[in-house]
């Protein structure tokens, strides 16, 4: 079986082939580091024999000036795309970038905490790290505090998809404690 990875972004309607992962986490209306690209590259570089669809909400033509209202068609389309993708995907990989606020990511953590399909990376420096730790502890969510989020989340994503095979030290998820 060959492997392939496709990335889908809004506003294009998504179509999932194989296993799927939604990249939730810090965007800060475009000002946060593009961690989604780093995780996608890490997933792609060491992909097992499977097909994975990456649902990346980081929209190329995002306009921070959009009125955030249900009556703004572009804004509503973005939010609906993200919620539909999270409802549909196999795994939600969430990263809280140090130095960001990420209120929407905190909202999404609350929405999907009980889903059993979320993994979280929250290193030192995230302003509400304690809240994230407590939610992860309460719901048994795999939580990594390691700054090498791309490798740690990759391991967790593949593990939740039933595809995890440890092939190197960086694939191990030893810093992850589901019950803190």
N, C-alpha and C. Protein backbone atom coordinates (compact mmCIF):
# COMPACT_ATOMS: atom_id res chain seq x y z
N UNK A 1 0.85 -1.19 0.00
CA UNK A 1 0.00 0.00 0.00
C UNK A 1 0.89 1.24 0.00
N UNK A 2 0.60 2.17 -0.86
CA UNK A 2 1.38 3.40 -0.91
C UNK A 2 0.80 4.40 0.08
N UNK A 3 1.57 5.44 0.34
CA UNK A 3 1.11 6.46 1.27
C UNK A 3 0.89 7.77 0.54
N UNK A 4 -0.06 8.53 1.04
CA UNK A 4 -0.29 9.86 0.49
C UNK A 4 -0.87 10.76 1.56
N UNK A 5 -0.58 12.04 1.44
CA UNK A 5 -1.08 13.03 2.37
C UNK A 5 -1.60 14.19 1.55
N UNK A 6 -2.84 14.56 1.81
CA UNK A 6 -3.41 15.73 1.15
C UNK A 6 -3.79 16.76 2.21
N UNK A 7 -3.64 18.02 1.87
CA UNK A 7 -3.98 19.11 2.78
C UNK A 7 -5.15 19.87 2.18
N UNK A 8 -6.16 20.10 3.00
CA UNK A 8 -7.32 20.86 2.55
C UNK A 8 -7.54 22.04 3.49
N UNK A 9 -7.85 23.19 2.88
CA UNK A 9 -8.03 24.43 3.63
C UNK A 9 -9.33 25.10 3.21
N UNK A 10 -9.89 25.92 4.11
CA UNK A 10 -11.05 26.70 3.72
C UNK A 10 -10.64 27.80 2.75
N UNK A 11 -11.54 28.27 1.93
CA UNK A 11 -12.97 28.03 1.95
C UNK A 11 -13.42 26.82 1.12
N UNK A 12 -12.48 26.10 0.50
CA UNK A 12 -12.86 24.95 -0.33
C UNK A 12 -13.51 23.88 0.53
N UNK A 13 -14.69 23.39 0.15
CA UNK A 13 -15.29 22.29 0.90
C UNK A 13 -14.33 21.10 0.95
N UNK A 14 -14.25 20.46 2.12
CA UNK A 14 -13.30 19.37 2.26
C UNK A 14 -13.92 18.03 1.88
N UNK A 15 -13.06 17.13 1.47
CA UNK A 15 -13.42 15.76 1.13
C UNK A 15 -12.35 14.87 1.72
N UNK A 16 -12.72 13.99 2.63
CA UNK A 16 -11.76 13.17 3.36
C UNK A 16 -11.53 11.85 2.65
N UNK A 17 -10.25 11.51 2.47
CA UNK A 17 -9.83 10.22 1.96
C UNK A 17 -8.92 9.60 3.00
N UNK A 18 -9.20 8.39 3.42
CA UNK A 18 -8.39 7.71 4.43
C UNK A 18 -8.64 8.29 5.81
N UNK A 19 -7.62 8.25 6.64
CA UNK A 19 -7.70 8.83 7.99
C UNK A 19 -7.58 10.34 7.88
N UNK A 20 -8.08 11.05 8.90
CA UNK A 20 -8.06 12.51 8.82
C UNK A 20 -7.67 13.12 10.16
N UNK A 21 -7.00 14.27 10.06
CA UNK A 21 -6.59 15.02 11.24
C UNK A 21 -6.90 16.50 11.00
N UNK A 22 -7.51 17.12 12.01
CA UNK A 22 -7.78 18.56 11.99
C UNK A 22 -6.71 19.24 12.83
N UNK A 23 -6.11 20.30 12.31
CA UNK A 23 -5.05 21.01 13.01
C UNK A 23 -5.63 22.21 13.76
N UNK A 24 -6.06 21.97 14.99
CA UNK A 24 -6.63 23.02 15.84
C UNK A 24 -5.50 23.68 16.62
N UNK A 25 -5.67 24.92 16.95
CA UNK A 25 -4.67 25.57 17.79
C UNK A 25 -4.38 26.98 17.37
N UNK A 26 -3.33 27.52 17.93
CA UNK A 26 -2.97 28.93 17.79
C UNK A 26 -2.82 29.35 16.33
N UNK A 27 -3.60 30.36 15.96
CA UNK A 27 -3.45 31.04 14.68
C UNK A 27 -3.35 32.55 14.93
N UNK A 28 -4.14 33.05 15.89
CA UNK A 28 -4.12 34.47 16.26
C UNK A 28 -4.38 35.36 15.05
N UNK A 29 -5.37 34.99 14.26
CA UNK A 29 -5.75 35.75 13.07
C UNK A 29 -4.56 35.94 12.12
N UNK A 30 -3.69 34.93 12.07
CA UNK A 30 -2.57 34.93 11.14
C UNK A 30 -1.24 35.36 11.73
N UNK A 31 -1.21 35.82 12.99
CA UNK A 31 0.04 36.33 13.56
C UNK A 31 0.85 35.27 14.31
N UNK A 32 0.27 34.12 14.63
CA UNK A 32 1.01 33.05 15.31
C UNK A 32 1.90 32.32 14.31
N UNK A 33 2.99 31.71 14.79
CA UNK A 33 3.84 30.93 13.88
C UNK A 33 3.02 29.87 13.14
N UNK A 34 3.42 29.55 11.93
CA UNK A 34 2.69 28.57 11.12
C UNK A 34 3.10 27.15 11.53
N UNK A 35 2.69 26.76 12.73
CA UNK A 35 3.00 25.43 13.25
C UNK A 35 2.30 24.34 12.43
N UNK A 36 1.17 24.69 11.78
CA UNK A 36 0.45 23.72 10.98
C UNK A 36 1.32 23.20 9.83
N UNK A 37 2.07 24.09 9.20
CA UNK A 37 2.96 23.68 8.11
C UNK A 37 4.05 22.75 8.63
N UNK A 38 4.60 23.06 9.81
CA UNK A 38 5.66 22.22 10.38
C UNK A 38 5.13 20.83 10.71
N UNK A 39 3.94 20.75 11.31
CA UNK A 39 3.38 19.43 11.64
C UNK A 39 3.04 18.66 10.37
N UNK A 40 2.49 19.33 9.38
CA UNK A 40 2.16 18.66 8.11
C UNK A 40 3.43 18.11 7.47
N UNK A 41 4.50 18.88 7.49
CA UNK A 41 5.77 18.43 6.91
C UNK A 41 6.30 17.21 7.67
N UNK A 42 6.20 17.23 8.99
CA UNK A 42 6.66 16.10 9.80
C UNK A 42 5.82 14.86 9.54
N UNK A 43 4.51 15.04 9.44
CA UNK A 43 3.64 13.90 9.12
C UNK A 43 3.98 13.32 7.76
N UNK A 44 4.16 14.19 6.79
CA UNK A 44 4.42 13.76 5.42
C UNK A 44 5.77 13.05 5.29
N UNK A 45 6.77 13.54 6.00
CA UNK A 45 8.12 12.99 5.88
C UNK A 45 8.23 11.57 6.41
N UNK A 46 7.42 11.20 7.38
CA UNK A 46 7.54 9.89 7.99
C UNK A 46 6.19 9.19 7.99
N UNK A 47 5.48 9.29 6.91
CA UNK A 47 4.14 8.74 6.80
C UNK A 47 4.18 7.23 6.61
N UNK A 48 3.42 6.49 7.44
CA UNK A 48 3.33 5.05 7.20
C UNK A 48 2.51 4.79 5.94
N UNK A 49 2.41 3.55 5.54
CA UNK A 49 1.66 3.20 4.32
C UNK A 49 0.17 3.39 4.55
N UNK A 50 -0.29 4.59 4.30
CA UNK A 50 -1.70 4.91 4.47
C UNK A 50 -2.00 6.23 3.77
N UNK A 51 -3.25 6.58 3.75
CA UNK A 51 -3.70 7.85 3.18
C UNK A 51 -4.23 8.71 4.32
N UNK A 52 -3.73 9.93 4.40
CA UNK A 52 -4.16 10.85 5.45
C UNK A 52 -4.59 12.17 4.82
N UNK A 53 -5.73 12.67 5.28
CA UNK A 53 -6.21 13.99 4.89
C UNK A 53 -5.97 14.94 6.06
N UNK A 54 -5.24 16.01 5.82
CA UNK A 54 -4.97 17.03 6.83
C UNK A 54 -5.94 18.18 6.57
N UNK A 55 -6.71 18.52 7.58
CA UNK A 55 -7.66 19.63 7.50
C UNK A 55 -7.05 20.80 8.26
N UNK A 56 -6.56 21.78 7.51
CA UNK A 56 -5.83 22.91 8.06
C UNK A 56 -6.70 24.16 7.96
N UNK A 57 -7.14 24.73 9.10
CA UNK A 57 -8.02 25.89 9.05
C UNK A 57 -7.33 27.21 8.72
N UNK A 58 -6.01 27.21 8.61
CA UNK A 58 -5.28 28.46 8.33
C UNK A 58 -5.56 28.88 6.90
N UNK A 59 -6.46 29.81 6.76
CA UNK A 59 -6.95 30.26 5.45
C UNK A 59 -5.97 31.23 4.80
N UNK A 60 -5.64 30.97 3.56
CA UNK A 60 -4.69 31.82 2.84
C UNK A 60 -5.16 33.24 2.65
N UNK A 61 -6.45 33.43 2.45
CA UNK A 61 -6.96 34.78 2.18
C UNK A 61 -7.72 35.35 3.39
N UNK A 62 -7.30 34.98 4.59
CA UNK A 62 -7.96 35.48 5.79
C UNK A 62 -7.79 36.99 5.89
N UNK A 63 -8.85 37.67 6.29
CA UNK A 63 -8.83 39.11 6.46
C UNK A 63 -9.20 39.40 7.91
N UNK A 64 -8.23 39.85 8.69
CA UNK A 64 -8.46 40.14 10.09
C UNK A 64 -9.47 41.25 10.33
N UNK A 65 -9.85 41.96 9.28
CA UNK A 65 -10.83 43.03 9.40
C UNK A 65 -12.27 42.56 9.25
N UNK A 66 -12.46 41.27 8.92
CA UNK A 66 -13.83 40.77 8.78
C UNK A 66 -14.60 40.96 10.08
N UNK A 67 -15.84 41.40 9.95
CA UNK A 67 -16.72 41.51 11.10
C UNK A 67 -17.03 40.09 11.57
N UNK A 68 -16.77 39.84 12.85
CA UNK A 68 -17.01 38.51 13.39
C UNK A 68 -18.46 38.42 13.85
N UNK A 69 -19.29 38.05 12.88
CA UNK A 69 -20.73 37.99 13.09
C UNK A 69 -21.31 36.87 12.24
N UNK A 70 -22.35 36.26 12.73
CA UNK A 70 -23.06 35.23 11.98
C UNK A 70 -23.60 35.79 10.66
N UNK A 71 -23.75 37.11 10.60
CA UNK A 71 -24.28 37.76 9.40
C UNK A 71 -23.21 38.06 8.35
N UNK A 72 -21.94 37.85 8.68
CA UNK A 72 -20.85 38.01 7.72
C UNK A 72 -20.63 36.65 7.06
N UNK A 73 -20.98 36.54 5.80
CA UNK A 73 -20.96 35.25 5.10
C UNK A 73 -19.57 34.60 5.09
N UNK A 74 -18.52 35.39 4.88
CA UNK A 74 -17.17 34.81 4.84
C UNK A 74 -16.74 34.30 6.22
N UNK A 75 -17.03 35.07 7.25
CA UNK A 75 -16.68 34.66 8.60
C UNK A 75 -17.46 33.41 9.00
N UNK A 76 -18.76 33.39 8.72
CA UNK A 76 -19.59 32.23 9.06
C UNK A 76 -19.11 30.99 8.30
N UNK A 77 -18.75 31.16 7.03
CA UNK A 77 -18.23 30.05 6.23
C UNK A 77 -16.98 29.45 6.88
N UNK A 78 -16.08 30.31 7.36
CA UNK A 78 -14.85 29.86 8.01
C UNK A 78 -15.16 29.06 9.28
N UNK A 79 -15.99 29.62 10.14
CA UNK A 79 -16.31 28.96 11.41
C UNK A 79 -17.04 27.65 11.15
N UNK A 80 -18.00 27.64 10.23
CA UNK A 80 -18.71 26.40 9.90
C UNK A 80 -17.75 25.35 9.34
N UNK A 81 -16.81 25.76 8.48
CA UNK A 81 -15.83 24.83 7.91
C UNK A 81 -15.04 24.17 9.04
N UNK A 82 -14.57 24.98 9.99
CA UNK A 82 -13.78 24.46 11.10
C UNK A 82 -14.59 23.50 11.97
N UNK A 83 -15.81 23.88 12.32
CA UNK A 83 -16.63 23.02 13.17
C UNK A 83 -17.01 21.72 12.46
N UNK A 84 -17.38 21.82 11.18
CA UNK A 84 -17.70 20.61 10.41
C UNK A 84 -16.49 19.69 10.31
N UNK A 85 -15.32 20.26 10.08
CA UNK A 85 -14.10 19.46 9.96
C UNK A 85 -13.79 18.76 11.27
N UNK A 86 -13.95 19.45 12.39
CA UNK A 86 -13.68 18.84 13.69
C UNK A 86 -14.70 17.77 14.03
N UNK A 87 -15.95 17.99 13.65
CA UNK A 87 -16.98 16.97 13.87
C UNK A 87 -16.67 15.70 13.09
N UNK A 88 -16.12 15.85 11.89
CA UNK A 88 -15.95 14.76 10.93
C UNK A 88 -14.63 14.02 11.06
N UNK A 89 -13.57 14.69 11.44
CA UNK A 89 -12.21 14.11 11.41
C UNK A 89 -12.04 12.96 12.40
N UNK A 90 -10.98 12.19 12.18
CA UNK A 90 -10.63 11.09 13.09
C UNK A 90 -9.89 11.59 14.32
N UNK A 91 -9.02 12.58 14.14
CA UNK A 91 -8.17 13.08 15.22
C UNK A 91 -8.11 14.60 15.13
N UNK A 92 -8.13 15.25 16.29
CA UNK A 92 -7.89 16.69 16.39
C UNK A 92 -6.55 16.86 17.09
N UNK A 93 -5.59 17.45 16.38
CA UNK A 93 -4.28 17.76 16.96
C UNK A 93 -4.27 19.24 17.30
N UNK A 94 -4.10 19.56 18.59
CA UNK A 94 -4.21 20.94 19.04
C UNK A 94 -2.89 21.41 19.64
N UNK A 95 -2.44 22.59 19.21
CA UNK A 95 -1.20 23.17 19.71
C UNK A 95 -1.47 24.58 20.22
N UNK A 96 -1.07 24.81 21.48
CA UNK A 96 -1.17 26.14 22.08
C UNK A 96 0.21 26.77 22.06
N UNK A 97 0.42 27.73 21.19
CA UNK A 97 1.72 28.36 21.00
C UNK A 97 2.04 29.31 22.15
N UNK A 98 3.23 29.17 22.77
CA UNK A 98 3.61 30.11 23.83
C UNK A 98 3.53 31.55 23.33
N UNK A 99 3.07 32.43 24.22
CA UNK A 99 2.98 33.85 23.87
C UNK A 99 1.70 34.23 23.16
N UNK A 100 0.81 33.27 22.92
CA UNK A 100 -0.47 33.59 22.27
C UNK A 100 -1.60 33.49 23.29
N UNK A 101 -2.77 33.98 22.92
CA UNK A 101 -3.97 33.88 23.76
C UNK A 101 -4.86 32.73 23.29
N UNK A 102 -5.07 32.62 22.00
CA UNK A 102 -5.81 31.50 21.37
C UNK A 102 -7.18 31.22 21.99
N UNK A 103 -8.05 32.23 22.08
CA UNK A 103 -9.36 32.01 22.70
C UNK A 103 -10.23 31.01 21.94
N UNK A 104 -10.14 30.99 20.62
CA UNK A 104 -10.95 30.05 19.84
C UNK A 104 -10.46 28.63 20.08
N UNK A 105 -9.16 28.45 20.20
CA UNK A 105 -8.60 27.12 20.48
C UNK A 105 -9.05 26.63 21.85
N UNK A 106 -9.10 27.53 22.84
CA UNK A 106 -9.61 27.14 24.16
C UNK A 106 -11.08 26.72 24.07
N UNK A 107 -11.86 27.46 23.29
CA UNK A 107 -13.26 27.11 23.06
C UNK A 107 -13.36 25.72 22.43
N UNK A 108 -12.53 25.46 21.42
CA UNK A 108 -12.56 24.17 20.73
C UNK A 108 -12.12 23.04 21.64
N UNK A 109 -11.15 23.30 22.51
CA UNK A 109 -10.75 22.27 23.48
C UNK A 109 -11.94 21.89 24.35
N UNK A 110 -12.70 22.88 24.81
CA UNK A 110 -13.89 22.60 25.59
C UNK A 110 -14.96 21.85 24.81
N UNK A 111 -15.15 22.24 23.55
CA UNK A 111 -16.16 21.58 22.72
C UNK A 111 -15.85 20.11 22.47
N UNK A 112 -14.57 19.77 22.28
CA UNK A 112 -14.21 18.42 21.85
C UNK A 112 -13.48 17.61 22.92
N UNK A 113 -13.38 18.12 24.15
CA UNK A 113 -12.65 17.42 25.20
C UNK A 113 -13.17 16.01 25.45
N UNK A 114 -14.46 15.82 25.39
CA UNK A 114 -15.05 14.51 25.68
C UNK A 114 -15.14 13.61 24.45
N UNK A 115 -14.61 14.05 23.32
CA UNK A 115 -14.76 13.29 22.07
C UNK A 115 -13.89 12.05 21.99
N UNK A 116 -12.80 12.01 22.76
CA UNK A 116 -11.88 10.88 22.69
C UNK A 116 -10.98 10.90 21.47
N UNK A 117 -10.98 12.00 20.74
CA UNK A 117 -10.17 12.05 19.51
C UNK A 117 -9.23 13.25 19.46
N UNK A 118 -8.91 13.80 20.61
CA UNK A 118 -8.08 15.00 20.63
C UNK A 118 -6.75 14.72 21.34
N UNK A 119 -5.68 15.30 20.82
CA UNK A 119 -4.37 15.29 21.47
C UNK A 119 -3.91 16.74 21.55
N UNK A 120 -3.20 17.08 22.62
CA UNK A 120 -2.86 18.48 22.88
C UNK A 120 -1.37 18.61 23.17
N UNK A 121 -0.80 19.68 22.66
CA UNK A 121 0.56 20.08 23.02
C UNK A 121 0.47 21.51 23.56
N UNK A 122 0.92 21.68 24.81
CA UNK A 122 0.85 22.99 25.45
C UNK A 122 2.13 23.23 26.24
N UNK A 123 3.17 23.77 25.59
CA UNK A 123 4.44 24.01 26.27
C UNK A 123 4.38 25.19 27.25
N UNK A 124 5.43 25.30 28.07
CA UNK A 124 5.57 26.45 28.96
C UNK A 124 5.46 27.73 28.13
N UNK A 125 4.83 28.74 28.72
CA UNK A 125 4.71 30.02 28.05
C UNK A 125 3.32 30.30 27.51
N UNK A 126 2.43 29.28 27.51
CA UNK A 126 1.05 29.55 27.11
C UNK A 126 0.33 30.09 28.34
N UNK A 127 -0.35 31.20 28.20
CA UNK A 127 -0.89 31.96 29.33
C UNK A 127 -1.95 31.21 30.15
N UNK A 128 -2.61 30.23 29.61
CA UNK A 128 -3.61 29.46 30.35
C UNK A 128 -3.24 27.97 30.37
N UNK A 129 -1.95 27.71 30.48
CA UNK A 129 -1.45 26.33 30.49
C UNK A 129 -2.11 25.51 31.60
N UNK A 130 -2.28 26.10 32.77
CA UNK A 130 -2.90 25.39 33.89
C UNK A 130 -4.31 24.94 33.57
N UNK A 131 -5.09 25.81 32.94
CA UNK A 131 -6.45 25.43 32.54
C UNK A 131 -6.43 24.28 31.55
N UNK A 132 -5.52 24.34 30.59
CA UNK A 132 -5.40 23.28 29.59
C UNK A 132 -5.03 21.97 30.27
N UNK A 133 -4.07 22.00 31.21
CA UNK A 133 -3.67 20.79 31.93
C UNK A 133 -4.84 20.17 32.68
N UNK A 134 -5.64 21.00 33.33
CA UNK A 134 -6.76 20.49 34.12
C UNK A 134 -7.81 19.86 33.22
N UNK A 135 -8.14 20.50 32.11
CA UNK A 135 -9.12 19.92 31.17
C UNK A 135 -8.59 18.60 30.62
N UNK A 136 -7.33 18.56 30.24
CA UNK A 136 -6.74 17.32 29.72
C UNK A 136 -6.76 16.22 30.78
N UNK A 137 -6.44 16.56 32.02
CA UNK A 137 -6.47 15.59 33.11
C UNK A 137 -7.89 15.05 33.32
N UNK A 138 -8.84 15.95 33.37
CA UNK A 138 -10.23 15.56 33.63
C UNK A 138 -10.79 14.63 32.56
N UNK A 139 -10.43 14.87 31.29
CA UNK A 139 -11.00 14.11 30.18
C UNK A 139 -10.06 13.05 29.62
N UNK A 140 -8.92 12.83 30.27
CA UNK A 140 -7.99 11.79 29.82
C UNK A 140 -7.38 12.08 28.46
N UNK A 141 -7.17 13.35 28.17
CA UNK A 141 -6.60 13.75 26.88
C UNK A 141 -5.08 13.66 26.95
N UNK A 142 -4.49 13.09 25.92
CA UNK A 142 -3.03 13.01 25.85
C UNK A 142 -2.48 14.42 25.71
N UNK A 143 -1.59 14.78 26.64
CA UNK A 143 -1.04 16.13 26.70
C UNK A 143 0.48 16.07 26.67
N UNK A 144 1.07 16.77 25.74
CA UNK A 144 2.52 16.91 25.68
C UNK A 144 2.88 18.34 26.04
N UNK A 145 3.91 18.48 26.84
CA UNK A 145 4.39 19.81 27.21
C UNK A 145 5.72 20.10 26.51
N UNK A 146 6.13 19.21 25.64
CA UNK A 146 7.42 19.30 24.97
C UNK A 146 7.36 20.32 23.84
N UNK A 147 8.38 21.12 23.73
CA UNK A 147 8.40 22.15 22.68
C UNK A 147 8.59 21.55 21.29
N UNK A 148 8.99 20.29 21.17
CA UNK A 148 9.10 19.63 19.87
C UNK A 148 7.72 19.11 19.47
N UNK A 149 6.77 20.03 19.38
CA UNK A 149 5.38 19.67 19.13
C UNK A 149 5.19 18.87 17.86
N UNK A 150 5.97 19.15 16.82
CA UNK A 150 5.73 18.48 15.55
C UNK A 150 5.95 16.97 15.68
N UNK A 151 6.99 16.56 16.37
CA UNK A 151 7.23 15.12 16.54
C UNK A 151 6.28 14.51 17.55
N UNK A 152 6.00 15.23 18.64
CA UNK A 152 5.13 14.69 19.68
C UNK A 152 3.69 14.55 19.17
N UNK A 153 3.20 15.59 18.52
CA UNK A 153 1.84 15.50 17.99
C UNK A 153 1.76 14.46 16.88
N UNK A 154 2.79 14.36 16.05
CA UNK A 154 2.80 13.35 15.00
C UNK A 154 2.62 11.96 15.61
N UNK A 155 3.39 11.67 16.64
CA UNK A 155 3.28 10.38 17.29
C UNK A 155 1.90 10.13 17.85
N UNK A 156 1.32 11.14 18.49
CA UNK A 156 -0.02 11.00 19.05
C UNK A 156 -1.09 10.84 17.98
N UNK A 157 -0.97 11.62 16.91
CA UNK A 157 -1.94 11.52 15.81
C UNK A 157 -1.93 10.11 15.24
N UNK A 158 -0.74 9.61 14.93
CA UNK A 158 -0.65 8.27 14.34
C UNK A 158 -1.09 7.20 15.33
N UNK A 159 -0.81 7.40 16.62
CA UNK A 159 -1.24 6.45 17.62
C UNK A 159 -2.77 6.39 17.69
N UNK A 160 -3.43 7.54 17.71
CA UNK A 160 -4.89 7.57 17.75
C UNK A 160 -5.51 6.99 16.49
N UNK A 161 -4.80 7.11 15.37
CA UNK A 161 -5.29 6.54 14.12
C UNK A 161 -5.02 5.04 14.04
N UNK A 162 -4.33 4.50 15.04
CA UNK A 162 -3.97 3.09 15.00
C UNK A 162 -2.82 2.80 14.07
N UNK A 163 -2.02 3.81 13.75
CA UNK A 163 -0.94 3.66 12.79
C UNK A 163 0.44 3.84 13.42
N UNK A 164 0.50 3.99 14.74
CA UNK A 164 1.77 4.31 15.38
C UNK A 164 2.72 3.14 15.36
N UNK A 165 3.89 3.39 14.80
CA UNK A 165 4.99 2.45 14.83
C UNK A 165 6.21 3.26 15.24
N UNK A 166 6.83 2.91 16.35
CA UNK A 166 8.00 3.65 16.81
C UNK A 166 9.18 3.25 15.94
N UNK A 167 9.70 4.21 15.18
CA UNK A 167 10.83 3.93 14.30
C UNK A 167 12.08 4.71 14.71
N UNK A 168 11.93 5.64 15.64
CA UNK A 168 13.09 6.37 16.13
C UNK A 168 12.76 6.96 17.49
N UNK A 169 13.77 7.44 18.18
CA UNK A 169 13.57 8.04 19.49
C UNK A 169 12.61 9.22 19.45
N UNK A 170 12.61 9.98 18.36
CA UNK A 170 11.75 11.16 18.29
C UNK A 170 10.29 10.79 18.12
N UNK A 171 9.99 9.54 17.77
CA UNK A 171 8.60 9.12 17.63
C UNK A 171 7.97 8.74 18.96
N UNK A 172 8.78 8.47 19.97
CA UNK A 172 8.24 8.04 21.25
C UNK A 172 7.46 9.17 21.88
N UNK A 173 6.42 8.82 22.58
CA UNK A 173 5.57 9.82 23.22
C UNK A 173 5.73 9.74 24.73
N UNK A 174 6.98 9.61 25.19
CA UNK A 174 7.26 9.38 26.60
C UNK A 174 6.95 10.57 27.50
N UNK A 175 6.86 11.75 26.96
CA UNK A 175 6.56 12.90 27.81
C UNK A 175 5.06 13.13 27.92
N UNK A 176 4.28 12.24 27.37
CA UNK A 176 2.83 12.42 27.37
C UNK A 176 2.22 11.60 28.49
N UNK A 177 1.49 12.26 29.34
CA UNK A 177 0.85 11.60 30.46
C UNK A 177 -0.64 11.90 30.38
N UNK A 178 -1.46 10.91 30.04
CA UNK A 178 -2.88 11.18 29.87
C UNK A 178 -3.59 11.52 31.18
N UNK A 179 -2.98 11.26 32.32
CA UNK A 179 -3.62 11.56 33.60
C UNK A 179 -2.81 12.52 34.45
N UNK A 180 -1.76 13.12 33.87
CA UNK A 180 -0.89 14.05 34.60
C UNK A 180 -0.62 13.49 35.97
